[in-house]
Amino acid sequence: MRPNKFFLAFFILNIFSLQFAFSHYKAKYHVIIDTDGGIDDFRAICMILANPEIEVIGIVTTDGVLAPEETCYRLISLLQSFGHEGIPVAAGKKNLENPPEFRAFAGSLLWGQQRISSIDNGLTAVELIIQETELEEMPVEYIALGPLTNLAEALANNAGLLHEFGKIYWYDKSFEEHGLNYSLNPIAAEKIINSSLELEIINAGPENPGFDKSFISALDTIFSDYAHAIQDFYRINRPVLQDHFMGISLADDCIPLYLAFPDQFNRKTLEDDEGKALVMPIPERDLQSYMLAILDCDKEDKSILFKTFPVSPGLFENDLSPSVGQMIQSHGLKEWKIMVLTNEFHEHLGIYSIVGAKMGLRAREYFRVGIDELTIKSLAGSTPPVSCLNDGLQVSTGATLGHGTISVGDSDPSPAAIFTFKNRAIMIELKENIKAQIMNDVQSAVRAHGINTPGYWQAIRQLAIRYWLELDRGEIFEIRVPTLPHPQPQPQP
């Protein structure tokens, strides 16, 4: 395909096809990812995380391309780089006496290489599968990017899971001919194939569409951590990869492509079992533009009234308009919309309301959830200015007084809050140096203009614009697990 057609297709997809990226409501898919650490797994995981229609409730690793613990280290590091530390990860058992011959090569490729102190969350892969499936209110889809070892063992330990899963999406060759993932654990594969589970085997097909250098170059045009991670992978590993088939062929990538764009695939149901199907891309389809469309995920949350949310500097007040472009470029469209709505709701440009908006979005990123998924206990009290944090928390998370999903504590107010998702909770607090900076700047405004004077409020407005622009939500907060005997379950709005 010529480059002009390639890029035209990409931009058309962005405008018309990728409506899922604006989802405000419950995700369409609630998935557990099972990976053995291949290059295609890495790309597939980046695309899954980029799609807001997929809620990732857990990731487990299995013995395959890489050893389970090695993949686990890489995954946790990768998730930390995306700010998704709250997605639970667990390693499966080592069971391969003869790992794939290309394990050393795959292990030499750099992704998720930042070393972390520990990968032990107290759960095995099988225990995590059972726990997260039982906690999830919606049917759970299982995305298997490697052998089916963990899933088969989980079902052996808890047969009731058969009724909890929606579909199993597994990358392999077909039901008649078997590929690498089958060969790594044929016994587990046969257990799943012969079970009552709905199973779709996804394969890239005999004419693997693959991708080329134009795809890697096009990632430059996308404002997305997931796109940047893939681009960095190819830049760092270029001397090793060159034109190696593992680096340019599609495989596990086909699963997130299929979930996002099923009309680009042929699906053939087995004659003797309607719950089993083989899925392949439609021949001669160039899937590169669809991959880019998924990765181009810096979209604001869906509006109730706006068709598109205003981003033109000329629509905003003179003191804000020069910073609009840089704010969007630095912090993304999602934060931009949240901040604008927070300040309109708060009725003035306030410092702590801005901090609260950034804090709420950071909590959503930590758990990787959308609007209306968290419950909050604010520690900011009900006395301004610190209590202004509460307005930003409500707008950024959808946890509101009306929904009954936010409460406010009044003892020892602090710019902090406890966020709960399912059975997990974190406490996010503004760092001490940022607190001190705000206090010093506000005191300077009081000394210069007095309290509650027009000059004072104008100074606060300018400080708020500066903080909005300069404070990076990934850098200004301390996040820790609070001591809570029993995190409260999430009330339903």
Protein backbone atom coordinates (compact mmCIF):
# COMPACT_ATOMS: atom_id res chain seq x y z
CA MET A 1 0.00 0.00 0.00
CA ARG A 2 1.34 3.43 -0.88
CA PRO A 3 2.08 5.70 2.13
CA ASN A 4 -0.56 8.31 1.21
CA LYS A 5 -3.32 5.67 1.20
CA PHE A 6 -1.97 4.15 4.40
CA PHE A 7 -2.10 7.41 6.32
CA LEU A 8 -5.46 8.37 4.81
CA ALA A 9 -6.92 5.07 6.00
CA PHE A 10 -5.48 5.68 9.45
CA PHE A 11 -7.05 9.11 9.82
CA ILE A 12 -10.42 7.99 8.43
CA LEU A 13 -10.44 5.22 11.01
CA ASN A 14 -9.70 7.73 13.75
CA ILE A 15 -12.65 9.87 12.80
CA PHE A 16 -15.29 7.28 12.02
CA SER A 17 -14.44 3.76 13.15
CA LEU A 18 -12.92 3.99 16.57
CA GLN A 19 -16.00 5.04 18.49
CA PHE A 20 -15.10 2.60 21.30
CA ALA A 21 -12.29 4.95 22.32
CA PHE A 22 -14.87 7.41 23.63
CA SER A 23 -16.64 4.95 25.90
CA HIS A 24 -18.02 6.46 29.09
CA TYR A 25 -19.85 3.45 30.41
CA LYS A 26 -18.94 -0.11 31.38
CA ALA A 27 -16.27 -1.73 29.25
CA LYS A 28 -17.53 -4.24 26.70
CA TYR A 29 -14.95 -6.86 27.66
CA HIS A 30 -13.67 -7.81 31.12
CA VAL A 31 -10.59 -9.91 30.51
CA ILE A 32 -7.80 -11.91 32.03
CA ILE A 33 -4.68 -11.94 29.86
CA ASP A 34 -2.46 -15.03 29.85
CA THR A 35 0.95 -14.43 28.26
CA ASP A 36 4.21 -16.28 27.72
CA GLY A 37 6.23 -13.15 27.00
CA GLY A 38 6.69 -13.20 23.22
CA ILE A 39 7.27 -10.10 21.09
CA ASP A 40 3.77 -10.39 19.68
CA ASP A 41 2.43 -10.69 23.26
CA PHE A 42 4.07 -7.37 24.08
CA ARG A 43 2.45 -5.65 21.11
CA ALA A 44 -0.90 -7.31 21.82
CA ILE A 45 -0.84 -6.26 25.49
CA CYS A 46 -0.09 -2.65 24.49
CA MET A 47 -3.10 -2.70 22.13
CA ILE A 48 -5.36 -4.31 24.74
CA LEU A 49 -4.40 -1.66 27.29
CA ALA A 50 -5.00 1.07 24.71
CA ASN A 51 -8.60 -0.02 24.14
CA PRO A 52 -10.95 1.43 26.79
CA GLU A 53 -13.60 -1.11 25.80
CA ILE A 54 -11.41 -3.78 27.43
CA GLU A 55 -11.13 -3.82 31.21
CA VAL A 56 -8.11 -5.91 32.24
CA ILE A 57 -8.94 -7.56 35.57
CA GLY A 58 -5.67 -9.49 35.79
CA ILE A 59 -2.65 -10.77 33.89
CA VAL A 60 -1.00 -14.15 34.42
CA THR A 61 2.17 -15.56 32.90
CA THR A 62 2.81 -19.06 31.64
CA ASP A 63 5.88 -21.08 30.67
CA GLY A 64 6.48 -20.61 26.97
CA VAL A 65 8.56 -18.17 24.95
CA LEU A 66 9.99 -16.87 28.24
CA ALA A 67 9.94 -18.37 31.71
CA PRO A 68 6.91 -17.26 33.79
CA GLU A 69 8.89 -15.21 36.33
CA GLU A 70 10.85 -13.40 33.62
CA THR A 71 7.65 -12.43 31.85
CA CYS A 72 6.15 -11.36 35.18
CA TYR A 73 9.08 -9.02 35.88
CA ARG A 74 8.72 -7.48 32.46
CA LEU A 75 4.96 -7.10 32.74
CA ILE A 76 5.01 -5.40 36.13
CA SER A 77 7.70 -3.02 34.92
CA LEU A 78 5.70 -2.28 31.75
CA LEU A 79 2.52 -1.64 33.73
CA GLN A 80 4.41 0.69 36.07
CA SER A 81 5.66 2.68 33.08
CA PHE A 82 2.02 3.11 31.98
CA GLY A 83 0.86 4.05 35.50
CA HIS A 84 -1.24 0.86 35.73
CA GLU A 85 0.32 -0.56 38.89
CA GLY A 86 -3.11 -1.61 40.14
CA ILE A 87 -3.62 -4.36 37.55
CA PRO A 88 -2.84 -7.60 39.44
CA VAL A 89 -0.15 -9.85 37.93
CA ALA A 90 0.90 -13.37 38.93
CA ALA A 91 3.35 -15.93 37.59
CA GLY A 92 2.45 -19.47 36.61
CA LYS A 93 4.48 -22.61 37.18
CA LYS A 94 7.58 -23.64 35.31
CA ASN A 95 6.61 -26.83 33.50
CA LEU A 96 8.64 -26.99 30.27
CA GLU A 97 11.59 -29.36 30.27
CA ASN A 98 12.49 -28.22 26.75
CA PRO A 99 11.70 -24.52 26.28
CA PRO A 100 11.41 -23.15 22.71
CA GLU A 101 14.77 -22.97 21.00
CA PHE A 102 14.37 -19.23 20.43
CA ARG A 103 13.93 -18.42 24.16
CA ALA A 104 17.43 -16.95 24.43
CA PHE A 105 16.79 -14.71 21.41
CA ALA A 106 13.41 -13.59 22.77
CA GLY A 107 14.99 -12.93 26.17
CA SER A 108 17.63 -10.70 24.59
CA LEU A 109 14.98 -8.32 23.24
CA LEU A 110 14.40 -5.39 25.56
CA TRP A 111 10.93 -4.50 26.80
CA GLY A 112 9.75 -3.99 30.36
CA GLN A 113 13.37 -4.20 31.47
CA GLN A 114 13.28 -1.86 34.46
CA ARG A 115 14.02 -4.11 37.41
CA ILE A 116 11.58 -4.12 40.30
CA SER A 117 12.08 -5.26 43.89
CA SER A 118 9.54 -8.09 43.91
CA ILE A 119 6.93 -9.83 41.78
CA ASP A 120 5.26 -11.65 44.66
CA ASN A 121 1.70 -10.46 45.31
CA GLY A 122 0.91 -13.52 47.39
CA LEU A 123 -1.03 -15.28 44.62
CA THR A 124 -0.17 -17.88 42.01
CA ALA A 125 -1.45 -17.50 38.47
CA VAL A 126 -4.21 -20.04 39.11
CA GLU A 127 -5.23 -18.35 42.38
CA LEU A 128 -5.38 -14.98 40.62
CA ILE A 129 -7.57 -16.38 37.83
CA ILE A 130 -10.01 -17.84 40.36
CA GLN A 131 -10.06 -14.75 42.58
CA GLU A 132 -10.56 -12.18 39.83
CA THR A 133 -13.16 -14.28 38.02
CA GLU A 134 -15.20 -14.64 41.21
CA LEU A 135 -14.91 -10.91 42.00
CA GLU A 136 -16.01 -9.79 38.54
CA GLU A 137 -19.74 -9.10 38.15
CA MET A 138 -19.62 -9.41 34.35
CA PRO A 139 -18.74 -12.53 32.33
CA VAL A 140 -14.97 -12.86 32.06
CA GLU A 141 -13.26 -13.26 28.71
CA TYR A 142 -9.93 -15.07 28.71
CA ILE A 143 -7.25 -13.92 26.27
CA ALA A 144 -4.60 -16.61 25.92
CA LEU A 145 -1.46 -15.47 24.09
CA GLY A 146 0.49 -18.61 24.93
CA PRO A 147 -0.21 -22.20 26.03
CA LEU A 148 -3.37 -22.95 28.01
CA THR A 149 -1.57 -24.32 31.08
CA ASN A 150 -2.94 -21.86 33.64
CA LEU A 151 -6.53 -22.00 32.41
CA ALA A 152 -6.63 -25.80 32.42
CA GLU A 153 -5.26 -25.93 35.97
CA ALA A 154 -7.68 -23.25 37.18
CA LEU A 155 -10.63 -25.24 35.83
CA ALA A 156 -9.27 -28.41 37.44
CA ASN A 157 -9.13 -26.58 40.78
CA ASN A 158 -12.52 -24.89 40.39
CA ALA A 159 -14.95 -26.44 37.93
CA GLY A 160 -17.44 -23.66 38.64
CA LEU A 161 -15.33 -21.34 36.48
CA LEU A 162 -16.88 -23.00 33.44
CA HIS A 163 -19.99 -20.92 34.11
CA GLU A 164 -18.09 -17.69 34.83
CA PHE A 165 -16.26 -17.32 31.53
CA GLY A 166 -17.75 -15.75 28.45
CA LYS A 167 -15.32 -16.69 25.68
CA ILE A 168 -11.76 -17.91 25.44
CA TYR A 169 -9.73 -16.13 22.75
CA TRP A 170 -6.62 -18.18 21.99
CA TYR A 171 -3.93 -17.68 19.40
CA ASP A 172 -2.98 -20.91 17.64
CA LYS A 173 -3.17 -22.44 14.16
CA SER A 174 -6.55 -24.18 13.96
CA PHE A 175 -8.57 -27.02 15.46
CA GLU A 176 -7.17 -29.54 12.97
CA GLU A 177 -3.60 -28.27 12.63
CA HIS A 178 -1.76 -27.21 15.76
CA GLY A 179 0.72 -24.43 16.31
CA LEU A 180 3.35 -23.51 18.86
CA ASN A 181 0.97 -22.65 21.70
CA TYR A 182 -0.73 -26.04 21.40
CA SER A 183 2.59 -27.87 21.24
CA LEU A 184 3.85 -26.28 24.46
CA ASN A 185 1.10 -28.03 26.44
CA PRO A 186 -1.07 -30.36 24.32
CA ILE A 187 -2.80 -31.88 27.36
CA ALA A 188 -4.01 -28.49 28.60
CA ALA A 189 -5.06 -27.51 25.07
CA GLU A 190 -7.15 -30.66 24.62
CA LYS A 191 -8.86 -30.08 27.97
CA ILE A 192 -10.01 -26.64 26.88
CA ILE A 193 -10.88 -27.65 23.31
CA ASN A 194 -13.01 -30.55 24.58
CA SER A 195 -14.68 -28.54 27.36
CA SER A 196 -18.01 -26.73 27.16
CA LEU A 197 -16.23 -23.36 27.07
CA GLU A 198 -16.80 -21.12 24.06
CA LEU A 199 -13.44 -21.03 22.31
CA GLU A 200 -12.31 -18.93 19.39
CA ILE A 201 -8.93 -19.77 17.90
CA ILE A 202 -7.47 -16.70 16.24
CA ASN A 203 -4.77 -17.05 13.60
CA ALA A 204 -3.08 -14.57 11.27
CA GLY A 205 -3.80 -16.87 8.33
CA PRO A 206 -1.60 -18.32 5.58
CA GLU A 207 -0.96 -14.88 4.10
CA ASN A 208 0.22 -13.21 7.29
CA PRO A 209 -0.47 -9.49 6.70
CA GLY A 210 2.40 -8.37 8.94
CA PHE A 211 3.55 -4.78 9.02
CA ASP A 212 6.46 -2.72 7.74
CA LYS A 213 8.59 0.30 8.57
CA SER A 214 5.78 2.70 7.70
CA PHE A 215 3.86 1.38 10.72
CA ILE A 216 6.77 2.11 13.07
CA SER A 217 7.23 5.56 11.54
CA ALA A 218 3.52 6.33 11.90
CA LEU A 219 3.75 5.78 15.66
CA ASP A 220 5.51 9.16 15.75
CA THR A 221 2.19 10.81 15.01
CA ILE A 222 0.40 9.25 17.99
CA PHE A 223 0.24 10.75 21.48
CA SER A 224 0.00 7.53 23.48
CA ASP A 225 2.27 5.78 25.97
CA TYR A 226 1.34 2.45 24.40
CA ALA A 227 2.38 3.59 20.92
CA HIS A 228 5.59 5.05 22.32
CA ALA A 229 6.40 1.77 24.09
CA ILE A 230 6.14 -0.17 20.83
CA GLN A 231 8.16 2.44 18.99
CA ASP A 232 10.86 2.40 21.67
CA PHE A 233 10.98 -1.40 21.47
CA TYR A 234 11.74 -1.30 17.75
CA ARG A 235 14.21 1.53 18.09
CA ILE A 236 16.16 -0.15 20.92
CA ASN A 237 16.12 -3.62 19.38
CA ARG A 238 16.64 -2.62 15.75
CA PRO A 239 20.20 -4.09 15.49
CA VAL A 240 18.93 -7.47 16.71
CA LEU A 241 15.57 -7.58 14.98
CA GLN A 242 16.32 -6.07 11.56
CA ASP A 243 13.82 -7.96 9.37
CA HIS A 244 13.46 -10.97 11.67
CA PHE A 245 10.08 -12.67 11.16
CA MET A 246 9.24 -12.31 14.88
CA GLY A 247 9.44 -8.56 14.55
CA ILE A 248 7.37 -8.01 11.41
CA SER A 249 4.75 -10.78 11.47
CA LEU A 250 1.36 -10.55 13.12
CA ALA A 251 0.35 -13.25 15.58
CA ASP A 252 -1.13 -12.51 19.03
CA ASP A 253 -1.77 -8.95 17.77
CA CYS A 254 -4.73 -10.42 15.87
CA ILE A 255 -6.71 -10.91 19.10
CA PRO A 256 -6.99 -7.20 20.08
CA LEU A 257 -7.51 -6.37 16.40
CA TYR A 258 -10.37 -8.86 16.22
CA LEU A 259 -12.00 -7.58 19.42
CA ALA A 260 -11.88 -3.99 18.15
CA PHE A 261 -12.61 -4.60 14.45
CA PRO A 262 -14.41 -7.94 14.04
CA ASP A 263 -15.61 -6.95 10.56
CA GLN A 264 -12.02 -7.26 9.33
CA PHE A 265 -11.98 -10.99 10.11
CA ASN A 266 -13.67 -14.14 8.85
CA ARG A 267 -15.19 -16.35 11.55
CA LYS A 268 -15.96 -20.00 10.80
CA THR A 269 -17.92 -22.00 13.36
CA LEU A 270 -17.25 -25.72 13.75
CA GLU A 271 -20.05 -27.84 12.30
CA ASP A 272 -20.35 -30.05 15.37
CA ASP A 273 -19.91 -27.32 18.02
CA GLU A 274 -21.31 -23.82 17.61
CA GLY A 275 -19.32 -22.69 20.65
CA LYS A 276 -16.03 -23.20 18.81
CA ALA A 277 -14.81 -21.07 15.91
CA LEU A 278 -11.72 -20.32 13.85
CA VAL A 279 -11.05 -16.64 13.18
CA MET A 280 -8.67 -15.22 10.54
CA PRO A 281 -8.17 -11.81 8.92
CA ILE A 282 -9.98 -11.28 5.63
CA PRO A 283 -7.37 -11.93 2.93
CA GLU A 284 -5.43 -8.96 1.57
CA ARG A 285 -6.54 -6.66 4.37
CA ASP A 286 -3.82 -4.29 5.55
CA LEU A 287 -4.25 -4.26 9.32
CA GLN A 288 -1.58 -1.64 10.04
CA SER A 289 -4.03 1.26 9.99
CA TYR A 290 -6.29 -0.61 12.42
CA MET A 291 -3.38 -1.20 14.80
CA LEU A 292 -2.61 2.52 14.73
CA ALA A 293 -6.26 3.38 15.32
CA ILE A 294 -6.28 1.26 18.48
CA LEU A 295 -3.03 2.76 19.74
CA ASP A 296 -4.23 6.31 19.10
CA CYS A 297 -6.15 6.29 22.37
CA ASP A 298 -5.58 9.76 23.82
CA LYS A 299 -9.27 10.62 23.73
CA GLU A 300 -11.35 12.49 26.28
CA ASP A 301 -14.11 10.65 28.15
CA LYS A 302 -17.38 10.61 26.25
CA SER A 303 -19.44 13.74 26.64
CA ILE A 304 -23.14 13.78 27.39
CA LEU A 305 -23.88 16.93 25.39
CA PHE A 306 -20.76 17.81 23.39
CA LYS A 307 -20.15 16.12 20.04
CA THR A 308 -16.54 17.18 20.40
CA PHE A 309 -15.03 18.92 23.40
CA PRO A 310 -13.57 22.40 22.74
CA VAL A 311 -9.80 22.55 22.32
CA SER A 312 -9.36 25.71 20.25
CA PRO A 313 -7.37 28.33 22.22
CA GLY A 314 -9.57 31.11 20.83
CA LEU A 315 -12.56 29.74 22.78
CA PHE A 316 -10.90 30.37 26.14
CA GLU A 317 -10.08 33.43 28.23
CA ASN A 318 -7.02 35.45 27.25
CA ASP A 319 -4.91 34.39 30.23
CA LEU A 320 -5.55 30.68 29.56
CA SER A 321 -5.54 30.53 25.75
CA PRO A 322 -1.72 30.77 25.29
CA SER A 323 -1.30 27.60 27.39
CA VAL A 324 -4.07 25.46 25.87
CA GLY A 325 -1.93 23.71 23.28
CA GLN A 326 0.88 22.93 25.70
CA MET A 327 -1.56 21.68 28.35
CA ILE A 328 -3.08 19.21 25.89
CA GLN A 329 0.30 18.14 24.56
CA SER A 330 1.78 17.67 28.05
CA HIS A 331 -1.13 16.02 29.84
CA GLY A 332 -3.45 14.65 27.14
CA LEU A 333 -7.02 15.24 26.02
CA LYS A 334 -8.54 13.24 28.86
CA GLU A 335 -7.01 15.48 31.52
CA TRP A 336 -7.80 18.58 29.46
CA LYS A 337 -11.52 17.88 29.45
CA ILE A 338 -11.54 16.95 33.14
CA MET A 339 -9.72 20.16 34.09
CA VAL A 340 -11.99 22.42 32.06
CA LEU A 341 -15.11 20.85 33.56
CA THR A 342 -13.62 20.93 37.07
CA ASN A 343 -12.96 24.66 36.89
CA GLU A 344 -16.39 25.40 35.47
CA PHE A 345 -18.01 23.27 38.18
CA HIS A 346 -15.82 24.86 40.87
CA GLU A 347 -16.75 28.33 39.55
CA HIS A 348 -13.21 29.65 39.66
CA LEU A 349 -9.71 28.53 38.79
CA GLY A 350 -8.64 26.97 42.07
CA ILE A 351 -5.43 25.24 43.07
CA TYR A 352 -6.79 22.34 45.12
CA SER A 353 -9.63 21.59 42.71
CA ILE A 354 -6.98 21.20 40.01
CA VAL A 355 -4.95 18.92 42.29
CA GLY A 356 -8.08 16.85 42.96
CA ALA A 357 -8.79 16.47 39.23
CA LYS A 358 -5.25 15.26 38.57
CA MET A 359 -5.44 12.93 41.59
CA GLY A 360 -8.69 11.32 40.47
CA LEU A 361 -7.39 10.68 36.97
CA ARG A 362 -4.18 9.23 38.41
CA ALA A 363 -6.28 6.80 40.49
CA ARG A 364 -8.19 5.75 37.39
CA GLU A 365 -4.92 5.14 35.57
CA TYR A 366 -3.56 3.13 38.50
CA PHE A 367 -6.44 0.66 38.30
CA ARG A 368 -6.93 1.33 34.56
CA VAL A 369 -10.64 1.98 34.83
CA GLY A 370 -13.10 4.43 33.34
CA ILE A 371 -15.64 6.81 34.82
CA ASP A 372 -17.95 5.55 37.62
CA GLU A 373 -15.74 2.61 38.65
CA LEU A 374 -14.19 3.84 41.92
CA THR A 375 -15.43 4.64 45.40
CA ILE A 376 -13.60 7.39 47.26
CA LYS A 377 -13.06 8.47 50.83
CA SER A 378 -11.69 11.99 50.62
CA LEU A 379 -9.42 13.10 53.45
CA ALA A 380 -9.66 16.76 52.39
CA GLY A 381 -12.43 17.68 54.85
CA SER A 382 -15.13 20.24 54.20
CA THR A 383 -13.26 23.49 54.83
CA PRO A 384 -11.70 25.44 51.92
CA PRO A 385 -9.20 25.68 50.44
CA VAL A 386 -8.12 22.03 50.93
CA SER A 387 -11.71 20.76 50.62
CA CYS A 388 -11.79 22.15 47.07
CA LEU A 389 -9.94 18.92 46.25
CA ASN A 390 -13.33 17.19 46.47
CA ASP A 391 -14.71 18.97 43.40
CA GLY A 392 -11.82 17.76 41.25
CA LEU A 393 -12.18 14.23 42.60
CA GLN A 394 -15.84 14.07 41.64
CA VAL A 395 -15.40 15.40 38.11
CA SER A 396 -12.38 13.23 37.29
CA THR A 397 -13.76 9.92 38.55
CA GLY A 398 -17.55 10.16 38.36
CA ALA A 399 -17.64 9.24 42.06
CA THR A 400 -20.19 11.82 43.20
CA LEU A 401 -22.38 12.62 46.16
CA GLY A 402 -25.39 11.88 43.97
CA HIS A 403 -24.10 8.40 43.16
CA GLY A 404 -23.21 7.82 46.81
CA THR A 405 -19.70 6.78 45.81
CA ILE A 406 -17.71 9.50 47.59
CA SER A 407 -17.54 10.32 51.27
CA VAL A 408 -15.59 13.04 53.06
CA GLY A 409 -13.73 12.71 56.35
CA ASP A 410 -13.34 15.81 58.51
CA SER A 411 -10.50 14.85 60.86
CA ASP A 412 -7.09 16.42 60.15
CA PRO A 413 -7.84 17.55 56.55
CA SER A 414 -5.16 16.75 53.99
CA PRO A 415 -4.95 16.77 50.16
CA ALA A 416 -5.35 13.00 50.03
CA ALA A 417 -7.97 10.35 49.31
CA ILE A 418 -8.50 6.60 49.52
CA PHE A 419 -9.66 5.00 46.27
CA THR A 420 -11.28 1.56 46.25
CA PHE A 421 -11.80 -0.72 43.27
CA LYS A 422 -13.29 -4.15 43.95
CA ASN A 423 -11.20 -5.66 46.77
CA ARG A 424 -8.23 -3.29 46.39
CA ALA A 425 -7.60 0.15 47.80
CA ILE A 426 -4.86 2.77 47.54
CA MET A 427 -4.20 6.08 49.25
CA ILE A 428 -3.01 8.95 47.08
CA GLU A 429 -1.56 12.05 48.73
CA LEU A 430 0.03 15.20 47.38
CA LYS A 431 3.79 15.13 47.95
CA GLU A 432 5.12 17.27 50.79
CA ASN A 433 7.28 19.46 48.55
CA ILE A 434 4.26 20.30 46.38
CA LYS A 435 2.17 21.09 49.48
CA ALA A 436 4.93 23.42 50.70
CA GLN A 437 5.20 25.09 47.31
CA ILE A 438 1.45 25.75 47.20
CA MET A 439 1.45 27.10 50.75
CA ASN A 440 4.36 29.46 50.04
CA ASP A 441 2.80 30.72 46.81
CA VAL A 442 -0.58 31.34 48.46
CA GLN A 443 1.05 33.13 51.39
CA SER A 444 2.92 35.35 48.93
CA ALA A 445 -0.39 36.22 47.28
CA VAL A 446 -1.89 37.10 50.67
CA ARG A 447 1.06 39.30 51.57
CA ALA A 448 0.86 41.09 48.24
CA HIS A 449 -2.92 41.54 47.97
CA GLY A 450 -4.55 40.67 51.28
CA ILE A 451 -7.08 37.86 51.68
CA ASN A 452 -10.17 37.57 49.45
CA THR A 453 -9.44 40.75 47.52
CA PRO A 454 -9.77 40.99 43.72
CA GLY A 455 -5.99 41.07 43.51
CA TYR A 456 -5.74 37.94 45.65
CA TRP A 457 -8.18 35.98 43.49
CA GLN A 458 -6.43 37.10 40.32
CA ALA A 459 -3.12 35.87 41.78
CA ILE A 460 -4.72 32.53 42.71
CA ARG A 461 -6.07 32.22 39.17
CA GLN A 462 -2.60 32.72 37.69
CA LEU A 463 -1.12 30.21 40.13
CA ALA A 464 -3.81 27.70 39.21
CA ILE A 465 -3.06 28.07 35.50
CA ARG A 466 0.63 27.58 36.22
CA TYR A 467 0.03 24.48 38.34
CA TRP A 468 -2.37 23.08 35.75
CA LEU A 469 0.36 23.37 33.13
CA GLU A 470 3.39 22.38 35.20
CA LEU A 471 2.20 19.64 37.57
CA ASP A 472 2.54 16.15 36.12
CA ARG A 473 0.00 13.79 37.68
CA GLY A 474 2.49 10.96 37.35
CA GLU A 475 5.05 12.78 39.51
CA ILE A 476 3.29 14.83 42.19
CA PHE A 477 1.60 12.14 44.29
CA GLU A 478 2.63 9.52 46.80
CA ILE A 479 0.71 6.27 46.33
CA ARG A 480 0.56 3.56 48.97
CA VAL A 481 -1.68 0.77 50.12
CA PRO A 482 -3.55 1.95 53.23
CA THR A 483 -4.11 -0.18 56.30
CA LEU A 484 -7.74 -1.13 55.85
CA PRO A 485 -9.17 -4.24 57.49
CA HIS A 486 -11.88 -4.71 54.88
CA PRO A 487 -12.11 -2.37 51.87
CA GLN A 488 -15.79 -1.60 51.32
CA PRO A 489 -17.39 -3.05 48.18
CA GLN A 490 -18.33 -0.57 45.49
CA PRO A 491 -21.91 0.69 45.74
CA GLN A 492 -23.79 0.68 42.46
CA PRO A 493 -25.03 4.07 41.23
